[in-house]
Structure formats: C-alpha cells, structure tokens
Amino acid sequence: MSGLAILVTTVDDEEQARALAQMALSARLAACVQIMPIRSCYVWKGEMREETEFLLHMKARGEDYRALAELVRRQHSYETPEILRVDVAEADPDYLAWAIDATRR
C-alpha cells in the first residue's frame, strides 16, 4: 500500500474549484489537485439533470483523507456533495516520495 488516497469531488463553478484546491494545498492536506471541466448527467430529486461541472482529484496521504474530506464538506456549495475516496494500490516511488514531502506539516 502506498499510503496515498485520491479525494474525488465535483463543483459547479471554476472559482470554487480553484478555491478548494488552494485551501487543500495551503493546509498541506493535498499534494496536488487536478481540475477538469466535465459534463455530468444524473438524477437529482427525481429529475434528470445534465450540467457542466468541474471534477477535482485531490492527491492526499491516506491518514489525511478525513481532514481533507471535512475541509471539502465545510466549503462545498452543494446540498449533497460528491466526496469519494479512491485508495492508491501502487504508486511510482519518486511520485510517492514527492507527495509525502509536499504534505509534510
């Protein structure tokens, strides 16, 4: 186990995506945050929806996941935000060392 996790979330505004990224990086809860524009299709309160969103992949230490998830939850504008944990089964040793160093507090 590499000890890395990826928190996945979506937001409807690029400014909010950037703000979440900056907060996570400033707190050293994430080593890297990728922001990607996407199109989401989903059912919300019984209604089919299709929206433009921004997908965030936040790379974090496994032990920091809960704190990162709480930061995202506190700052998120959605009533029910997507907050998913994806554990990294294996990572390049150099990348892992960088991510651990980037989140050292």
Protein backbone atom coordinates (compact mmCIF):
# COMPACT_ATOMS: atom_id res chain seq x y z
CA MET A 1 0.00 0.00 0.00
CA SER A 2 1.41 3.35 -0.99
CA GLY A 3 -0.41 5.36 1.67
CA LEU A 4 -1.97 7.69 -0.91
CA ALA A 5 -5.65 8.38 -1.44
CA ILE A 6 -7.46 10.48 -4.01
CA LEU A 7 -10.45 12.52 -2.92
CA VAL A 8 -12.83 12.99 -5.83
CA THR A 9 -15.41 15.77 -5.83
CA THR A 10 -17.30 17.95 -8.29
CA VAL A 11 -18.37 21.59 -8.13
CA ASP A 12 -20.41 23.75 -10.47
CA ASP A 13 -18.07 26.73 -10.58
CA GLU A 14 -14.43 27.03 -11.63
CA GLU A 15 -13.74 29.66 -8.95
CA GLN A 16 -14.99 27.28 -6.26
CA ALA A 17 -12.81 24.52 -7.72
CA ARG A 18 -9.76 26.75 -7.55
CA ALA A 19 -10.64 27.93 -4.04
CA LEU A 20 -10.98 24.33 -2.80
CA ALA A 21 -7.66 23.45 -4.44
CA GLN A 22 -5.91 26.41 -2.82
CA MET A 23 -7.35 25.61 0.63
CA ALA A 24 -6.30 21.95 0.40
CA LEU A 25 -2.81 22.84 -0.81
CA SER A 26 -2.33 25.65 1.72
CA ALA A 27 -3.34 23.32 4.56
CA ARG A 28 -0.93 20.72 3.11
CA LEU A 29 -3.78 18.20 3.07
CA ALA A 30 -3.24 17.62 -0.67
CA ALA A 31 -0.03 17.38 -2.65
CA CYS A 32 -1.75 18.02 -5.98
CA VAL A 33 -5.24 18.93 -7.15
CA GLN A 34 -6.30 18.39 -10.73
CA ILE A 35 -9.29 20.39 -12.01
CA MET A 36 -11.07 19.18 -15.14
CA PRO A 37 -14.21 20.56 -16.84
CA ILE A 38 -16.78 17.80 -17.36
CA ARG A 39 -20.41 17.23 -18.30
CA SER A 40 -22.40 15.36 -15.63
CA CYS A 41 -25.68 13.52 -16.18
CA TYR A 42 -27.52 12.45 -13.04
CA VAL A 43 -30.86 12.19 -11.26
CA TRP A 44 -31.47 14.75 -8.50
CA LYS A 45 -34.72 14.73 -6.51
CA GLY A 46 -36.42 12.62 -9.19
CA GLU A 47 -35.38 14.86 -12.08
CA MET A 48 -32.92 14.01 -14.85
CA ARG A 49 -30.17 16.65 -14.94
CA GLU A 50 -27.27 17.45 -17.25
CA GLU A 51 -24.82 20.09 -16.04
CA THR A 52 -21.35 21.44 -16.64
CA GLU A 53 -19.19 20.77 -13.59
CA PHE A 54 -15.55 20.76 -12.56
CA LEU A 55 -14.06 17.47 -11.39
CA LEU A 56 -11.36 17.64 -8.73
CA HIS A 57 -8.86 14.87 -7.98
CA MET A 58 -7.06 15.70 -4.74
CA LYS A 59 -3.99 13.55 -4.01
CA ALA A 60 -3.53 13.12 -0.26
CA ARG A 61 -1.92 10.94 2.36
CA GLY A 62 -4.32 8.21 3.43
CA GLU A 63 -4.15 9.41 7.04
CA ASP A 64 -5.15 12.94 5.94
CA TYR A 65 -8.23 11.85 3.98
CA ARG A 66 -10.77 12.54 6.75
CA ALA A 67 -9.41 16.04 7.41
CA LEU A 68 -9.42 16.77 3.67
CA ALA A 69 -12.97 15.43 3.31
CA GLU A 70 -14.11 17.64 6.20
CA LEU A 71 -12.50 20.70 4.59
CA VAL A 72 -14.28 19.94 1.31
CA ARG A 73 -17.60 19.30 3.11
CA ARG A 74 -17.38 22.62 5.04
CA GLN A 75 -16.58 24.67 1.94
CA HIS A 76 -18.78 22.91 -0.63
CA SER A 77 -21.83 24.67 -2.07
CA TYR A 78 -23.84 21.51 -2.87
CA GLU A 79 -26.55 20.18 -0.56
CA THR A 80 -25.13 16.67 -1.05
CA PRO A 81 -21.55 16.95 -2.37
CA GLU A 82 -19.77 14.09 -4.06
CA ILE A 83 -16.89 13.13 -1.77
CA LEU A 84 -15.30 9.83 -2.75
CA ARG A 85 -12.13 8.16 -1.53
CA VAL A 86 -10.04 6.17 -4.01
CA ASP A 87 -7.12 4.37 -2.38
CA VAL A 88 -3.98 4.12 -4.49
CA ALA A 89 -2.85 0.49 -4.62
CA GLU A 90 0.56 1.33 -6.03
CA ALA A 91 2.47 4.48 -6.94
CA ASP A 92 5.77 5.30 -8.56
CA PRO A 93 8.28 5.57 -5.67
CA ASP A 94 9.53 9.01 -6.77
CA TYR A 95 5.98 10.37 -7.06
CA LEU A 96 5.07 8.90 -3.68
CA ALA A 97 8.13 10.49 -2.05
CA TRP A 98 7.22 13.85 -3.59
CA ALA A 99 3.58 13.62 -2.43
CA ILE A 100 4.62 12.70 1.11
CA ASP A 101 7.11 15.59 1.19
CA ALA A 102 4.56 18.06 -0.27
CA THR A 103 2.10 17.26 2.53
CA ARG A 104 4.60 17.29 5.39
CA ARG A 105 3.45 19.54 8.22
